Amino acid sequence: MKRPRLPGPAKGLAIGLFGGSFNPAHAGHLLVAQTALKRLKLDEVWWIVARGNPLKSDHGDYAVRLASARAMAQGAGMDVTDIEDQLGLTYSIDTVRALIKAAPDARFVWLMGADNLAGFDRWKNWEEIARTLPIAVISRPGAPITKPSFFSRRFARHRLPEPQAAALAYTQAPAWVYIRTRENPTSSTALRATP
């Protein structure tokens, strides 16, 4: 596998990996990324634009999705990467492996909105992701943590209290935290439906 172009320096940095279709990217995505950057005390958040999503039928045009992520991910500490497109990857586990190989001295944290938590156990090798990287789950409308997911039950004893979120990047996986924040109701599905 060829060495990917990373969006920026990585050595010794705490970096949130925020994967998604971003079809299109919107203010809800930005809120998740900004919340993670601040509450986890990360140096960077890398938005990983998915080349495709095996759990979705409509991916949208990759170049358009990449451009929408770049337009939305503004501000210090935000970077967008096309690593999956560069390497021809589709599954998050393969992306995680490639990033760890390319930047072994980084402290990566997997970021996801709570709306993705319910289906996380359907991802390829999801338990390997959870045992490889600490995970931060950020609240999203309509996805209360009060409804336990398969992941949250399986890894219940590895959950950090929310006040310890800043320690997550320095905690050995498996480890995860749920972060409550104000919620932005914007969704990509609703945006695509708007004429």
Protein backbone atom coordinates (compact mmCIF):
# COMPACT_ATOMS: atom_id res chain seq x y z
CA MET A 1 0.00 0.00 0.00
CA LYS A 2 1.36 3.42 -0.93
CA ARG A 3 2.07 6.01 1.73
CA PRO A 4 -0.84 8.47 1.96
CA ARG A 5 -0.61 12.26 1.94
CA LEU A 6 -1.65 13.32 5.42
CA PRO A 7 -3.50 16.61 5.89
CA GLY A 8 -0.81 17.94 8.20
CA PRO A 9 1.79 17.10 10.83
CA ALA A 10 0.91 14.23 13.14
CA LYS A 11 3.93 13.30 15.27
CA GLY A 12 3.10 13.67 18.95
CA LEU A 13 -0.26 15.30 18.26
CA ALA A 14 -3.69 14.34 19.59
CA ILE A 15 -5.85 14.02 16.48
CA GLY A 16 -9.56 13.30 16.18
CA LEU A 17 -10.53 11.17 13.18
CA PHE A 18 -13.98 12.22 12.03
CA GLY A 19 -15.19 9.98 9.23
CA GLY A 20 -18.37 10.43 7.27
CA SER A 21 -20.10 10.57 3.93
CA PHE A 22 -20.61 14.34 4.33
CA ASN A 23 -23.36 14.24 1.72
CA PRO A 24 -23.31 17.22 2.21
CA ALA A 25 -21.27 18.40 5.19
CA HIS A 26 -23.32 20.70 7.43
CA ALA A 27 -23.34 22.72 10.65
CA GLY A 28 -24.16 19.61 12.71
CA HIS A 29 -20.92 18.00 11.53
CA LEU A 30 -18.99 21.16 12.37
CA LEU A 31 -20.51 21.25 15.86
CA VAL A 32 -19.40 17.64 16.49
CA ALA A 33 -15.86 18.43 15.27
CA GLN A 34 -15.59 21.69 17.25
CA THR A 35 -16.95 20.05 20.40
CA ALA A 36 -14.45 17.22 20.11
CA LEU A 37 -11.55 19.62 19.46
CA LYS A 38 -12.37 21.65 22.55
CA ARG A 39 -13.60 19.06 25.05
CA LEU A 40 -11.00 16.40 24.21
CA LYS A 41 -8.21 19.02 24.05
CA LEU A 42 -7.20 17.79 20.59
CA ASP A 43 -4.57 19.44 18.43
CA GLU A 44 -6.45 18.66 15.20
CA VAL A 45 -9.61 17.10 13.83
CA TRP A 46 -9.18 15.33 10.49
CA TRP A 47 -12.41 15.02 8.53
CA ILE A 48 -12.15 11.77 6.58
CA VAL A 49 -14.46 11.92 3.58
CA ALA A 50 -15.64 8.35 2.98
CA ARG A 51 -15.03 7.03 -0.50
CA GLY A 52 -18.21 5.02 -0.09
CA ASN A 53 -20.35 3.67 2.71
CA PRO A 54 -21.28 -0.02 2.49
CA LEU A 55 -24.29 0.66 4.76
CA LYS A 56 -25.74 3.35 2.49
CA SER A 57 -26.99 3.14 -1.08
CA ASP A 58 -26.66 6.81 -2.06
CA HIS A 59 -23.17 8.17 -1.60
CA GLY A 60 -23.33 11.20 -3.86
CA ASP A 61 -20.48 12.51 -5.97
CA TYR A 62 -17.17 12.20 -4.12
CA ALA A 63 -15.68 15.49 -5.39
CA VAL A 64 -18.81 17.38 -4.35
CA ARG A 65 -18.79 15.79 -0.89
CA LEU A 66 -15.09 16.53 -0.46
CA ALA A 67 -15.67 20.16 -1.44
CA SER A 68 -18.59 20.47 0.98
CA ALA A 69 -16.42 19.14 3.83
CA ARG A 70 -13.64 21.58 2.95
CA ALA A 71 -16.11 24.47 2.88
CA MET A 72 -17.56 23.50 6.27
CA ALA A 73 -14.36 22.52 8.13
CA GLN A 74 -13.14 26.06 8.61
CA GLY A 75 -11.13 27.29 11.55
CA ALA A 76 -8.02 26.40 13.50
CA GLY A 77 -7.45 22.70 14.00
CA MET A 78 -9.76 21.55 11.20
CA ASP A 79 -8.37 19.61 8.23
CA VAL A 80 -10.05 17.53 5.54
CA THR A 81 -8.42 14.44 4.06
CA ASP A 82 -9.14 12.31 1.02
CA ILE A 83 -7.06 9.42 2.36
CA GLU A 84 -9.72 6.82 1.52
CA ASP A 85 -9.79 8.01 -2.09
CA GLN A 86 -5.97 8.12 -2.25
CA LEU A 87 -5.68 4.51 -1.07
CA GLY A 88 -8.86 3.08 -2.58
CA LEU A 89 -10.29 2.22 0.85
CA THR A 90 -13.93 1.77 1.81
CA TYR A 91 -13.95 0.46 5.38
CA SER A 92 -13.09 2.53 8.45
CA ILE A 93 -10.95 -0.25 9.91
CA ASP A 94 -8.69 -0.17 6.84
CA THR A 95 -8.42 3.62 7.11
CA VAL A 96 -7.53 3.36 10.80
CA ARG A 97 -4.81 0.78 10.03
CA ALA A 98 -3.40 2.95 7.22
CA LEU A 99 -3.29 6.08 9.40
CA ILE A 100 -1.62 4.29 12.30
CA LYS A 101 1.00 2.93 9.90
CA ALA A 102 1.55 6.36 8.31
CA ALA A 103 1.63 8.25 11.63
CA PRO A 104 2.59 5.83 14.41
CA ASP A 105 3.51 8.64 16.82
CA ALA A 106 0.12 10.36 16.67
CA ARG A 107 -2.52 9.95 19.37
CA PHE A 108 -5.62 9.22 17.32
CA VAL A 109 -9.17 9.31 18.71
CA TRP A 110 -12.14 8.09 16.66
CA LEU A 111 -14.99 10.63 16.64
CA MET A 112 -18.61 9.91 15.90
CA GLY A 113 -21.95 11.56 16.35
CA ALA A 114 -24.31 9.66 18.64
CA ASP A 115 -26.58 9.03 15.64
CA ASN A 116 -23.95 6.57 14.35
CA LEU A 117 -23.59 4.71 17.64
CA ALA A 118 -26.69 2.52 17.24
CA GLY A 119 -25.32 0.94 14.05
CA PHE A 120 -21.64 0.88 14.96
CA ASP A 121 -21.76 -2.88 15.56
CA ARG A 122 -22.66 -3.33 11.86
CA TRP A 123 -19.33 -1.83 10.74
CA LYS A 124 -16.64 -4.18 9.48
CA ASN A 125 -14.33 -5.15 12.37
CA TRP A 126 -15.98 -2.60 14.67
CA GLU A 127 -14.58 -4.27 17.78
CA GLU A 128 -11.06 -3.94 16.38
CA ILE A 129 -11.65 -0.21 15.91
CA ALA A 130 -12.85 0.02 19.53
CA ARG A 131 -9.83 -1.92 20.79
CA THR A 132 -7.38 0.09 18.66
CA LEU A 133 -8.48 3.69 19.21
CA PRO A 134 -10.25 5.52 22.02
CA ILE A 135 -13.67 6.69 20.84
CA ALA A 136 -15.55 9.91 21.55
CA VAL A 137 -19.30 9.91 20.94
CA ILE A 138 -20.81 13.39 20.68
CA SER A 139 -24.53 13.94 21.25
CA ARG A 140 -26.80 14.41 18.22
CA PRO A 141 -30.55 15.11 18.04
CA GLY A 142 -32.74 12.02 18.17
CA ALA A 143 -29.93 9.77 19.40
CA PRO A 144 -30.10 9.70 23.20
CA ILE A 145 -27.44 7.75 25.06
CA THR A 146 -30.21 6.56 27.37
CA LYS A 147 -31.06 3.96 24.70
CA PRO A 148 -28.08 1.58 25.04
CA SER A 149 -26.40 0.36 21.87
CA PHE A 150 -24.67 -2.97 21.41
CA PHE A 151 -21.34 -1.09 21.54
CA SER A 152 -22.17 0.79 24.76
CA ARG A 153 -23.22 -2.44 26.48
CA ARG A 154 -20.19 -4.43 25.23
CA PHE A 155 -17.74 -1.71 26.29
CA ALA A 156 -19.63 -0.37 29.32
CA ARG A 157 -16.73 -0.88 31.73
CA HIS A 158 -14.39 1.09 29.44
CA ARG A 159 -16.52 4.26 29.48
CA LEU A 160 -14.87 7.33 31.00
CA PRO A 161 -16.96 9.85 32.92
CA GLU A 162 -17.61 12.93 30.79
CA PRO A 163 -15.51 15.24 33.04
CA GLN A 164 -12.48 13.07 32.12
CA ALA A 165 -12.95 13.62 28.36
CA ALA A 166 -9.69 15.57 28.04
CA ALA A 167 -7.77 12.44 29.10
CA LEU A 168 -9.23 10.27 26.33
CA ALA A 169 -6.43 10.80 23.78
CA TYR A 170 -3.95 9.63 26.43
CA THR A 171 -5.98 6.59 27.51
CA GLN A 172 -5.24 3.11 26.20
CA ALA A 173 -8.03 1.64 24.08
CA PRO A 174 -10.56 0.32 24.62
CA ALA A 175 -11.84 3.55 26.12
CA TRP A 176 -14.71 5.81 25.21
CA VAL A 177 -16.60 8.85 26.41
CA TYR A 178 -19.99 10.34 25.68
CA ILE A 179 -19.98 14.13 25.37
CA ARG A 180 -23.15 16.15 25.71
CA THR A 181 -23.36 19.40 23.79
CA ARG A 182 -26.01 21.70 22.40
CA GLU A 183 -27.54 19.89 19.48
CA ASN A 184 -27.85 21.09 15.90
CA PRO A 185 -30.82 19.40 14.18
CA THR A 186 -29.41 19.76 10.65
CA SER A 187 -29.08 16.47 8.76
CA SER A 188 -27.59 15.57 5.40
CA THR A 189 -30.74 13.64 4.50
CA ALA A 190 -32.92 16.71 5.06
CA LEU A 191 -30.52 18.93 3.13
CA ARG A 192 -30.58 16.56 0.15
CA ALA A 193 -34.39 16.60 0.21
CA THR A 194 -34.50 20.41 0.07
CA PRO A 195 -35.01 21.67 -3.50
